[in-house]
Amino acid sequence: MVFSSKLGGCICGQIRYELTANPITCYACHCTQCQTISGSGFSLSVIAELEAIIIDAGEVAESTFLINSNDRTRHYCSNCGTLVWFSAPTYPGIVAIKAGTFDDSSWIKPIAHLWVSSKMHWVQLDNDTQKYQGQPAMADLVTLWQEQGDP
């Protein structure tokens, strides 16, 4: 199956982007840091190559901070504050796009749930999706995505 470009942007519409290549993987993270950053029970990330993102409108602002002694850069709309993606020097050229920023998210299905050891008690997980108590190797998440086939 051939990947069809996916469009997205921030809540105010100032930032518009296009994902032009198949993601590398997609997962839901239930760690306490993702809960805090997202303001929710988990964070849903679509992992992709930065070069596969075309900014069609607006300028993405950045701020860098530390999580567990590792730099993370938050890429967001300076007008409305919508978090569009994260990046980290640990994975150069790779970004974690926030799934809720896609115009149509019907194609997104996480292949795994990470850090279920710290998930919120009310979150119910399906039996068909891989679960990890902590942080798996990125290679494992990529393999699971590839086994599912193109979105």
N, C-alpha and C. Protein backbone atom coordinates (compact mmCIF):
# COMPACT_ATOMS: atom_id res chain seq x y z
N MET A 1 0.85 -1.17 0.00
CA MET A 1 0.00 0.00 0.00
C MET A 1 0.90 1.24 0.00
N VAL A 2 0.50 2.25 -0.72
CA VAL A 2 1.25 3.50 -0.82
C VAL A 2 0.76 4.48 0.23
N PHE A 3 1.70 5.12 0.92
CA PHE A 3 1.35 6.09 1.94
C PHE A 3 0.77 7.33 1.30
N SER A 4 -0.32 7.83 1.86
CA SER A 4 -0.94 9.07 1.41
C SER A 4 -0.64 10.15 2.44
N SER A 5 -0.19 11.31 2.00
CA SER A 5 0.18 12.40 2.90
C SER A 5 -0.92 12.67 3.92
N LYS A 6 -0.49 13.02 5.12
CA LYS A 6 -1.41 13.34 6.21
C LYS A 6 -1.21 14.80 6.59
N LEU A 7 -2.30 15.54 6.73
CA LEU A 7 -2.26 16.96 7.06
C LEU A 7 -2.58 17.18 8.53
N GLY A 8 -2.02 18.26 9.08
CA GLY A 8 -2.30 18.57 10.46
C GLY A 8 -1.96 20.01 10.79
N GLY A 9 -2.17 20.37 12.04
CA GLY A 9 -1.87 21.73 12.46
C GLY A 9 -2.29 21.98 13.89
N CYS A 10 -2.13 23.22 14.30
CA CYS A 10 -2.47 23.64 15.66
C CYS A 10 -3.95 24.02 15.74
N ILE A 11 -4.42 24.27 16.95
CA ILE A 11 -5.84 24.56 17.17
C ILE A 11 -6.27 25.89 16.55
N CYS A 12 -5.38 26.89 16.51
CA CYS A 12 -5.77 28.20 15.96
C CYS A 12 -5.58 28.27 14.45
N GLY A 13 -4.94 27.28 13.86
CA GLY A 13 -4.75 27.24 12.41
C GLY A 13 -3.53 27.97 11.90
N GLN A 14 -2.77 28.59 12.78
CA GLN A 14 -1.58 29.32 12.35
C GLN A 14 -0.52 28.37 11.78
N ILE A 15 -0.36 27.19 12.40
CA ILE A 15 0.60 26.20 11.89
C ILE A 15 -0.16 25.14 11.12
N ARG A 16 0.32 24.87 9.93
CA ARG A 16 -0.21 23.79 9.09
C ARG A 16 1.00 22.98 8.62
N TYR A 17 0.88 21.66 8.70
CA TYR A 17 1.97 20.80 8.27
C TYR A 17 1.44 19.62 7.48
N GLU A 18 2.37 18.94 6.82
CA GLU A 18 2.05 17.75 6.04
C GLU A 18 3.09 16.69 6.36
N LEU A 19 2.64 15.50 6.69
CA LEU A 19 3.53 14.36 6.85
C LEU A 19 3.54 13.63 5.52
N THR A 20 4.69 13.55 4.88
CA THR A 20 4.78 13.06 3.50
C THR A 20 5.27 11.62 3.37
N ALA A 21 5.63 10.99 4.49
CA ALA A 21 6.12 9.61 4.43
C ALA A 21 5.53 8.81 5.59
N ASN A 22 5.51 7.52 5.42
CA ASN A 22 4.98 6.62 6.43
C ASN A 22 5.69 6.85 7.76
N PRO A 23 4.95 6.90 8.86
CA PRO A 23 5.60 7.01 10.16
C PRO A 23 6.51 5.81 10.43
N ILE A 24 7.39 5.98 11.41
CA ILE A 24 8.29 4.91 11.82
C ILE A 24 7.58 3.98 12.80
N THR A 25 6.77 4.55 13.68
CA THR A 25 5.98 3.79 14.63
C THR A 25 4.98 4.72 15.32
N CYS A 26 4.13 4.16 16.14
CA CYS A 26 3.13 4.94 16.88
C CYS A 26 2.82 4.21 18.18
N TYR A 27 2.86 4.93 19.29
CA TYR A 27 2.59 4.30 20.58
C TYR A 27 1.95 5.29 21.55
N ALA A 28 1.34 4.72 22.59
CA ALA A 28 0.79 5.51 23.69
C ALA A 28 1.72 5.33 24.88
N CYS A 29 2.16 6.44 25.45
CA CYS A 29 3.04 6.39 26.61
C CYS A 29 2.27 6.83 27.85
N HIS A 30 2.34 6.01 28.89
CA HIS A 30 1.62 6.27 30.13
C HIS A 30 2.55 6.68 31.26
N CYS A 31 3.79 7.07 30.95
CA CYS A 31 4.71 7.49 32.01
C CYS A 31 4.21 8.78 32.66
N THR A 32 4.67 9.04 33.85
CA THR A 32 4.18 10.23 34.56
C THR A 32 4.63 11.52 33.89
N GLN A 33 5.78 11.51 33.21
CA GLN A 33 6.21 12.71 32.49
C GLN A 33 5.25 13.01 31.34
N CYS A 34 4.86 12.00 30.58
CA CYS A 34 3.90 12.22 29.48
C CYS A 34 2.54 12.65 30.01
N GLN A 35 2.15 12.13 31.16
CA GLN A 35 0.89 12.56 31.76
C GLN A 35 0.94 14.04 32.09
N THR A 36 2.07 14.47 32.65
CA THR A 36 2.21 15.88 33.03
C THR A 36 2.28 16.78 31.80
N ILE A 37 3.10 16.40 30.81
CA ILE A 37 3.28 17.22 29.61
C ILE A 37 1.98 17.34 28.81
N SER A 38 1.23 16.24 28.74
CA SER A 38 0.00 16.26 27.94
C SER A 38 -1.18 16.80 28.74
N GLY A 39 -1.08 16.78 30.07
CA GLY A 39 -2.22 17.18 30.89
C GLY A 39 -3.33 16.16 30.82
N SER A 40 -2.97 14.91 30.50
CA SER A 40 -3.96 13.87 30.31
C SER A 40 -3.43 12.55 30.88
N GLY A 41 -4.11 11.46 30.59
CA GLY A 41 -3.74 10.16 31.11
C GLY A 41 -2.57 9.52 30.38
N PHE A 42 -2.27 9.99 29.19
CA PHE A 42 -1.18 9.43 28.40
C PHE A 42 -0.89 10.36 27.23
N SER A 43 0.15 10.06 26.50
CA SER A 43 0.49 10.83 25.31
C SER A 43 0.56 9.87 24.13
N LEU A 44 -0.07 10.22 23.03
CA LEU A 44 -0.08 9.39 21.83
C LEU A 44 0.87 10.03 20.81
N SER A 45 1.93 9.30 20.46
CA SER A 45 2.97 9.83 19.58
C SER A 45 3.08 9.05 18.28
N VAL A 46 3.17 9.79 17.18
CA VAL A 46 3.44 9.23 15.87
C VAL A 46 4.90 9.59 15.57
N ILE A 47 5.75 8.58 15.53
CA ILE A 47 7.18 8.80 15.34
C ILE A 47 7.47 8.84 13.85
N ALA A 48 8.17 9.89 13.42
CA ALA A 48 8.44 10.09 11.99
C ALA A 48 9.79 10.78 11.81
N GLU A 49 10.27 10.74 10.59
CA GLU A 49 11.49 11.46 10.25
C GLU A 49 11.14 12.93 10.05
N LEU A 50 11.97 13.81 10.61
CA LEU A 50 11.74 15.25 10.49
C LEU A 50 11.68 15.68 9.04
N GLU A 51 12.50 15.09 8.19
CA GLU A 51 12.52 15.48 6.78
C GLU A 51 11.23 15.12 6.05
N ALA A 52 10.38 14.30 6.66
CA ALA A 52 9.09 13.95 6.06
C ALA A 52 8.00 14.96 6.40
N ILE A 53 8.34 15.99 7.19
CA ILE A 53 7.36 17.01 7.56
C ILE A 53 7.62 18.28 6.76
N ILE A 54 6.58 18.75 6.11
CA ILE A 54 6.62 20.02 5.39
C ILE A 54 5.73 21.00 6.14
N ILE A 55 6.28 22.14 6.52
CA ILE A 55 5.49 23.19 7.16
C ILE A 55 4.87 24.03 6.06
N ASP A 56 3.55 23.97 5.92
CA ASP A 56 2.83 24.70 4.88
C ASP A 56 2.46 26.13 5.30
N ALA A 57 2.33 26.34 6.61
CA ALA A 57 1.97 27.68 7.10
C ALA A 57 2.45 27.83 8.53
N GLY A 58 2.83 29.04 8.87
CA GLY A 58 3.23 29.36 10.23
C GLY A 58 4.69 29.03 10.51
N GLU A 59 5.07 29.37 11.71
CA GLU A 59 6.44 29.11 12.16
C GLU A 59 6.35 28.37 13.48
N VAL A 60 7.02 27.23 13.55
CA VAL A 60 7.00 26.41 14.74
C VAL A 60 8.00 26.95 15.76
N ALA A 61 7.52 27.29 16.96
CA ALA A 61 8.39 27.77 18.04
C ALA A 61 8.99 26.57 18.76
N GLU A 62 10.09 26.81 19.47
CA GLU A 62 10.77 25.72 20.18
C GLU A 62 11.15 26.15 21.58
N SER A 63 11.12 25.21 22.50
CA SER A 63 11.70 25.41 23.83
C SER A 63 12.31 24.08 24.25
N THR A 64 13.49 24.16 24.86
CA THR A 64 14.21 22.96 25.28
C THR A 64 14.21 22.88 26.80
N PHE A 65 14.05 21.67 27.32
CA PHE A 65 14.02 21.44 28.75
C PHE A 65 14.61 20.06 29.03
N LEU A 66 14.84 19.76 30.29
CA LEU A 66 15.40 18.47 30.70
C LEU A 66 14.33 17.57 31.29
N ILE A 67 14.38 16.29 30.90
CA ILE A 67 13.60 15.23 31.55
C ILE A 67 14.59 14.12 31.86
N ASN A 68 14.72 13.79 33.11
CA ASN A 68 15.66 12.74 33.53
C ASN A 68 17.06 12.95 32.95
N SER A 69 17.54 14.18 33.01
CA SER A 69 18.89 14.56 32.53
C SER A 69 19.05 14.48 31.02
N ASN A 70 17.96 14.39 30.28
CA ASN A 70 18.02 14.35 28.82
C ASN A 70 17.27 15.54 28.24
N ASP A 71 17.90 16.20 27.27
CA ASP A 71 17.24 17.32 26.58
C ASP A 71 16.05 16.85 25.77
N ARG A 72 14.99 17.63 25.80
CA ARG A 72 13.82 17.44 24.94
C ARG A 72 13.49 18.81 24.39
N THR A 73 13.11 18.87 23.13
CA THR A 73 12.68 20.13 22.55
C THR A 73 11.21 20.01 22.20
N ARG A 74 10.45 20.95 22.68
CA ARG A 74 9.01 21.05 22.44
C ARG A 74 8.83 21.98 21.25
N HIS A 75 8.12 21.52 20.22
CA HIS A 75 7.85 22.31 19.01
C HIS A 75 6.35 22.63 19.03
N TYR A 76 6.02 23.91 19.04
CA TYR A 76 4.65 24.31 19.31
C TYR A 76 4.29 25.60 18.57
N CYS A 77 3.00 25.92 18.59
CA CYS A 77 2.52 27.18 18.02
C CYS A 77 2.70 28.27 19.06
N SER A 78 3.37 29.35 18.68
CA SER A 78 3.60 30.44 19.63
C SER A 78 2.32 31.25 19.89
N ASN A 79 1.32 31.09 19.04
CA ASN A 79 0.07 31.82 19.22
C ASN A 79 -0.87 31.10 20.20
N CYS A 80 -1.16 29.82 19.94
CA CYS A 80 -2.14 29.11 20.77
C CYS A 80 -1.50 28.12 21.74
N GLY A 81 -0.21 27.82 21.55
CA GLY A 81 0.49 26.92 22.45
C GLY A 81 0.36 25.45 22.14
N THR A 82 -0.36 25.09 21.08
CA THR A 82 -0.53 23.68 20.75
C THR A 82 0.82 23.01 20.56
N LEU A 83 1.05 21.91 21.28
CA LEU A 83 2.24 21.10 21.10
C LEU A 83 2.06 20.29 19.83
N VAL A 84 2.97 20.47 18.86
CA VAL A 84 2.86 19.76 17.59
C VAL A 84 3.76 18.52 17.58
N TRP A 85 5.01 18.65 18.04
CA TRP A 85 5.88 17.49 18.18
C TRP A 85 7.00 17.77 19.15
N PHE A 86 7.66 16.68 19.55
CA PHE A 86 8.87 16.72 20.37
C PHE A 86 10.02 16.20 19.55
N SER A 87 11.22 16.62 19.92
CA SER A 87 12.44 16.03 19.37
C SER A 87 13.45 15.92 20.51
N ALA A 88 14.49 15.11 20.29
CA ALA A 88 15.54 14.92 21.29
C ALA A 88 16.84 14.57 20.59
N PRO A 89 17.96 15.04 21.11
CA PRO A 89 19.26 14.72 20.49
C PRO A 89 19.56 13.22 20.48
N THR A 90 18.90 12.48 21.35
CA THR A 90 19.07 11.03 21.39
C THR A 90 18.68 10.38 20.07
N TYR A 91 17.70 10.98 19.39
CA TYR A 91 17.20 10.47 18.10
C TYR A 91 17.25 11.59 17.07
N PRO A 92 18.44 11.91 16.57
CA PRO A 92 18.56 13.03 15.61
C PRO A 92 17.75 12.76 14.33
N GLY A 93 17.03 13.79 13.90
CA GLY A 93 16.25 13.69 12.68
C GLY A 93 14.92 12.97 12.85
N ILE A 94 14.57 12.61 14.09
CA ILE A 94 13.33 11.89 14.39
C ILE A 94 12.48 12.78 15.29
N VAL A 95 11.17 12.80 15.06
CA VAL A 95 10.26 13.59 15.89
C VAL A 95 9.09 12.72 16.35
N ALA A 96 8.49 13.14 17.46
CA ALA A 96 7.30 12.48 17.99
C ALA A 96 6.13 13.44 17.79
N ILE A 97 5.41 13.27 16.69
CA ILE A 97 4.26 14.12 16.38
C ILE A 97 3.11 13.75 17.30
N LYS A 98 2.47 14.76 17.85
CA LYS A 98 1.32 14.50 18.72
C LYS A 98 0.12 14.16 17.84
N ALA A 99 -0.40 12.96 18.03
CA ALA A 99 -1.42 12.39 17.15
C ALA A 99 -2.66 13.26 17.01
N GLY A 100 -3.02 13.99 18.06
CA GLY A 100 -4.20 14.84 18.02
C GLY A 100 -4.09 16.04 17.11
N THR A 101 -2.89 16.31 16.59
CA THR A 101 -2.72 17.46 15.69
C THR A 101 -3.02 17.12 14.23
N PHE A 102 -3.24 15.85 13.92
CA PHE A 102 -3.61 15.49 12.54
C PHE A 102 -5.07 15.85 12.30
N ASP A 103 -5.38 16.36 11.12
CA ASP A 103 -6.76 16.70 10.77
C ASP A 103 -7.66 15.47 10.84
N ASP A 104 -7.17 14.35 10.32
CA ASP A 104 -7.89 13.08 10.34
C ASP A 104 -7.00 12.08 11.06
N SER A 105 -7.41 11.68 12.23
CA SER A 105 -6.60 10.74 13.01
C SER A 105 -7.16 9.32 12.95
N SER A 106 -8.10 9.07 12.04
CA SER A 106 -8.75 7.76 11.97
C SER A 106 -7.78 6.64 11.58
N TRP A 107 -6.68 6.97 10.95
CA TRP A 107 -5.69 5.97 10.53
C TRP A 107 -4.71 5.61 11.64
N ILE A 108 -4.73 6.36 12.74
CA ILE A 108 -3.74 6.17 13.80
C ILE A 108 -4.24 5.13 14.80
N LYS A 109 -3.40 4.11 15.00
CA LYS A 109 -3.67 3.10 16.02
C LYS A 109 -2.32 2.74 16.63
N PRO A 110 -2.15 2.99 17.92
CA PRO A 110 -0.86 2.66 18.54
C PRO A 110 -0.60 1.16 18.51
N ILE A 111 0.65 0.81 18.30
CA ILE A 111 1.03 -0.61 18.27
C ILE A 111 1.43 -1.09 19.66
N ALA A 112 1.57 -0.15 20.60
CA ALA A 112 1.97 -0.53 21.95
C ALA A 112 1.57 0.53 22.96
N HIS A 113 1.48 0.08 24.20
CA HIS A 113 1.28 0.96 25.35
C HIS A 113 2.54 0.84 26.20
N LEU A 114 3.22 1.98 26.44
CA LEU A 114 4.46 2.01 27.21
C LEU A 114 4.19 2.47 28.63
N TRP A 115 5.01 2.05 29.54
CA TRP A 115 4.93 2.47 30.93
C TRP A 115 3.54 2.22 31.54
N VAL A 116 2.96 1.06 31.24
CA VAL A 116 1.66 0.75 31.82
C VAL A 116 1.74 0.59 33.34
N SER A 117 2.97 0.44 33.85
CA SER A 117 3.15 0.35 35.31
C SER A 117 2.74 1.65 36.00
N SER A 118 2.71 2.77 35.25
CA SER A 118 2.30 4.04 35.86
C SER A 118 1.05 4.63 35.21
N LYS A 119 0.30 3.81 34.47
CA LYS A 119 -0.92 4.33 33.84
C LYS A 119 -1.94 4.70 34.90
N MET A 120 -2.80 5.64 34.56
CA MET A 120 -3.87 6.05 35.47
C MET A 120 -4.87 4.90 35.61
N HIS A 121 -5.39 4.72 36.80
CA HIS A 121 -6.25 3.57 37.11
C HIS A 121 -7.49 3.48 36.24
N TRP A 122 -7.99 4.56 35.74
CA TRP A 122 -9.23 4.54 34.95
C TRP A 122 -9.00 4.21 33.48
N VAL A 123 -7.74 4.20 33.03
CA VAL A 123 -7.44 3.89 31.62
C VAL A 123 -7.60 2.39 31.41
N GLN A 124 -8.45 2.03 30.46
CA GLN A 124 -8.69 0.63 30.11
C GLN A 124 -7.97 0.33 28.80
N LEU A 125 -7.12 -0.69 28.80
CA LEU A 125 -6.35 -1.05 27.61
C LEU A 125 -6.96 -2.28 26.96
N ASP A 126 -6.95 -2.30 25.62
CA ASP A 126 -7.48 -3.46 24.92
C ASP A 126 -6.48 -4.62 25.02
N ASN A 127 -6.97 -5.82 24.79
CA ASN A 127 -6.12 -7.01 24.91
C ASN A 127 -5.26 -7.26 23.69
N ASP A 128 -5.54 -6.58 22.57
CA ASP A 128 -4.85 -6.86 21.32
C ASP A 128 -3.58 -6.04 21.11
N THR A 129 -3.34 -5.05 21.94
CA THR A 129 -2.19 -4.16 21.75
C THR A 129 -1.08 -4.53 22.74
N GLN A 130 0.15 -4.59 22.23
CA GLN A 130 1.32 -4.92 23.05
C GLN A 130 1.44 -3.95 24.23
N LYS A 131 1.82 -4.47 25.39
CA LYS A 131 1.98 -3.63 26.58
C LYS A 131 3.38 -3.83 27.15
N TYR A 132 3.98 -2.73 27.60
CA TYR A 132 5.29 -2.77 28.24
C TYR A 132 5.18 -2.09 29.60
N GLN A 133 5.75 -2.70 30.61
CA GLN A 133 5.74 -2.12 31.95
C GLN A 133 6.61 -0.88 32.04
N GLY A 134 7.64 -0.81 31.19
CA GLY A 134 8.57 0.32 31.16
C GLY A 134 8.84 0.75 29.74
N GLN A 135 10.10 1.09 29.47
CA GLN A 135 10.51 1.61 28.17
C GLN A 135 11.13 0.50 27.32
N PRO A 136 10.49 0.09 26.23
CA PRO A 136 11.09 -0.91 25.35
C PRO A 136 12.12 -0.26 24.43
N ALA A 137 12.87 -1.08 23.75
CA ALA A 137 13.81 -0.58 22.75
C ALA A 137 13.02 -0.02 21.57
N MET A 138 13.48 1.10 21.02
CA MET A 138 12.81 1.70 19.86
C MET A 138 12.72 0.70 18.72
N ALA A 139 13.74 -0.14 18.55
CA ALA A 139 13.74 -1.15 17.48
C ALA A 139 12.54 -2.08 17.61
N ASP A 140 12.14 -2.43 18.82
CA ASP A 140 10.97 -3.29 19.02
C ASP A 140 9.69 -2.60 18.57
N LEU A 141 9.59 -1.29 18.86
CA LEU A 141 8.40 -0.53 18.46
C LEU A 141 8.34 -0.35 16.95
N VAL A 142 9.48 -0.19 16.33
CA VAL A 142 9.54 -0.07 14.87
C VAL A 142 9.12 -1.38 14.22
N THR A 143 9.62 -2.50 14.75
CA THR A 143 9.27 -3.81 14.20
C THR A 143 7.76 -4.07 14.32
N LEU A 144 7.18 -3.74 15.46
CA LEU A 144 5.73 -3.93 15.63
C LEU A 144 4.95 -3.11 14.60
N TRP A 145 5.38 -1.87 14.35
CA TRP A 145 4.71 -1.00 13.37
C TRP A 145 4.82 -1.61 11.96
N GLN A 146 6.00 -2.08 11.62
CA GLN A 146 6.22 -2.65 10.29
C GLN A 146 5.38 -3.92 10.10
N GLU A 147 5.22 -4.70 11.14
CA GLU A 147 4.42 -5.92 11.05
C GLU A 147 2.95 -5.63 10.82
N GLN A 148 2.47 -4.47 11.28
CA GLN A 148 1.05 -4.11 11.11
C GLN A 148 0.76 -3.68 9.67
N GLY A 149 1.77 -3.21 8.93
CA GLY A 149 1.55 -2.74 7.57
C GLY A 149 1.27 -1.25 7.54
N ASP A 150 1.23 -0.68 6.35
CA ASP A 150 1.00 0.76 6.17
C ASP A 150 -0.35 1.17 6.73
N PRO A 151 -0.40 2.40 7.28
CA PRO A 151 -1.69 2.90 7.80
C PRO A 151 -2.66 3.19 6.68
